[in-house]
Protein backbone atom coordinates (compact mmCIF):
# COMPACT_ATOMS: atom_id res chain seq x y z
CA UNK A 1 116.88 43.97 450.05
CA UNK A 2 115.81 44.36 446.43
CA UNK A 3 118.31 45.60 443.84
CA UNK A 4 116.57 48.84 442.85
CA UNK A 5 117.75 52.26 441.79
CA UNK A 6 116.42 53.91 444.96
CA UNK A 7 117.31 53.17 448.57
CA UNK A 8 114.90 53.99 451.36
CA UNK A 9 117.69 53.18 453.80
CA UNK A 10 119.95 55.86 452.34
CA UNK A 11 117.18 58.42 452.26
CA UNK A 12 116.22 57.72 455.88
CA UNK A 13 119.83 58.06 457.05
CA UNK A 14 120.23 61.31 455.10
CA UNK A 15 116.97 62.87 456.28
CA UNK A 16 117.51 65.46 459.00
CA UNK A 17 113.84 65.20 459.97
CA UNK A 18 113.86 61.40 460.40
CA UNK A 19 117.21 61.38 462.21
CA UNK A 20 116.29 64.14 464.67
CA UNK A 21 112.96 62.52 465.46
CA UNK A 22 114.47 59.04 465.92
CA UNK A 23 117.33 60.36 468.06
CA UNK A 24 115.06 62.36 470.33
CA UNK A 25 112.06 60.03 470.58
CA UNK A 26 112.47 56.29 471.22
CA UNK A 27 108.80 55.69 470.36
CA UNK A 28 109.30 57.29 466.95
CA UNK A 29 112.36 55.07 466.40
CA UNK A 30 110.33 51.98 467.33
CA UNK A 31 107.50 53.07 465.02
CA UNK A 32 109.98 53.54 462.18
CA UNK A 33 111.27 50.00 462.76
CA UNK A 34 107.68 48.65 462.70
CA UNK A 35 107.01 50.46 459.42
CA UNK A 36 110.06 48.98 457.73
CA UNK A 37 109.14 45.41 458.70
CA UNK A 38 106.57 43.35 456.77
CA UNK A 39 106.09 46.25 454.37
CA UNK A 40 107.24 47.11 450.90
CA UNK A 41 107.95 50.70 449.95
CA UNK A 42 107.83 52.30 446.51
CA UNK A 43 109.55 55.50 445.45
CA UNK A 44 106.84 57.85 444.16
CA UNK A 45 108.40 58.49 440.79
CA UNK A 46 107.45 57.35 437.31
CA UNK A 47 110.13 54.70 436.64
CA UNK A 48 109.82 52.81 439.93
CA UNK A 49 106.04 52.74 439.40
CA UNK A 50 106.33 51.51 435.80
CA UNK A 51 108.95 48.90 436.73
CA UNK A 52 107.08 47.94 439.90
CA UNK A 53 110.30 48.45 441.87
CA UNK A 54 109.73 47.91 445.56
CA UNK A 55 112.11 48.28 448.48
CA UNK A 56 111.89 45.93 451.47
CA UNK A 57 114.15 44.50 454.12
CA UNK A 58 114.25 41.84 456.82
CA UNK A 59 113.29 42.56 460.43
CA UNK A 60 116.91 42.24 461.43
CA UNK A 61 118.02 44.66 458.74
CA UNK A 62 115.26 47.12 459.72
CA UNK A 63 116.46 47.01 463.32
CA UNK A 64 120.00 47.72 462.15
CA UNK A 65 118.89 50.70 460.08
CA UNK A 66 117.06 52.25 463.02
CA UNK A 67 119.92 51.50 465.43
CA UNK A 68 122.30 53.21 463.03
CA UNK A 69 120.04 56.26 462.84
CA UNK A 70 119.81 56.32 466.65
CA UNK A 71 123.61 56.02 466.84
CA UNK A 72 123.49 53.38 469.56
CA UNK A 73 122.91 49.71 470.10
CA UNK A 74 122.19 47.25 467.32
CA UNK A 75 119.30 45.51 465.59
CA UNK A 76 118.42 43.56 468.75
CA UNK A 77 117.24 46.78 470.43
CA UNK A 78 114.27 46.74 468.02
CA UNK A 79 114.01 43.17 466.71
CA UNK A 80 110.61 41.56 467.45
CA UNK A 81 109.28 44.43 469.60
CA UNK A 82 105.79 43.79 468.24
CA UNK A 83 103.56 45.50 465.73
CA UNK A 84 105.87 44.79 462.80
CA UNK A 85 104.19 45.88 459.56
CA UNK A 86 102.31 48.73 461.21
CA UNK A 87 102.73 52.14 459.62
CA UNK A 88 101.39 54.91 461.83
CA UNK A 89 100.25 58.23 460.40
CA UNK A 90 103.34 60.22 461.46
CA UNK A 91 105.76 57.74 459.88
CA UNK A 92 103.65 57.50 456.75
CA UNK A 93 103.56 61.31 456.45
CA UNK A 94 107.33 61.62 456.98
CA UNK A 95 108.13 58.92 454.43
CA UNK A 96 105.66 60.40 451.94
CA UNK A 97 107.56 63.68 452.29
CA UNK A 98 110.71 61.74 451.34
CA UNK A 99 108.81 60.45 448.30
CA UNK A 100 108.02 56.90 449.49
CA UNK A 101 104.67 55.14 449.85
CA UNK A 102 103.85 51.87 451.62
CA UNK A 103 102.77 48.87 449.55
CA UNK A 104 101.41 45.95 451.55
CA UNK A 105 102.49 42.44 450.69
CA UNK A 106 99.87 40.33 448.95
CA UNK A 107 98.33 37.85 451.38
CA UNK A 108 99.87 34.91 449.54
CA UNK A 109 103.40 36.34 449.92
CA UNK A 110 103.35 36.58 453.75
């Protein structure tokens, strides 16, 4: 994870909307995991934009975040489920409401 002033992980875990959706809908939880993998996220505020501060995490860490939100299991419940790096419209909308936007990795960084 990058050392930045903003933590998408903290904001996800503190979002009632995200937590309720992930707890009640396993597909939503899986989609959230997919969106955290192979993707960078930027806080939509001036300083992170100017500093080009991006948040990202490993697949294992993403699985752990979602398992924590779901309050059961561990990262292996999500790890390598397929579609990593895919951000569906509902997840993108929910994260935009938290103030985060997806930033794809440059092709040479994959």
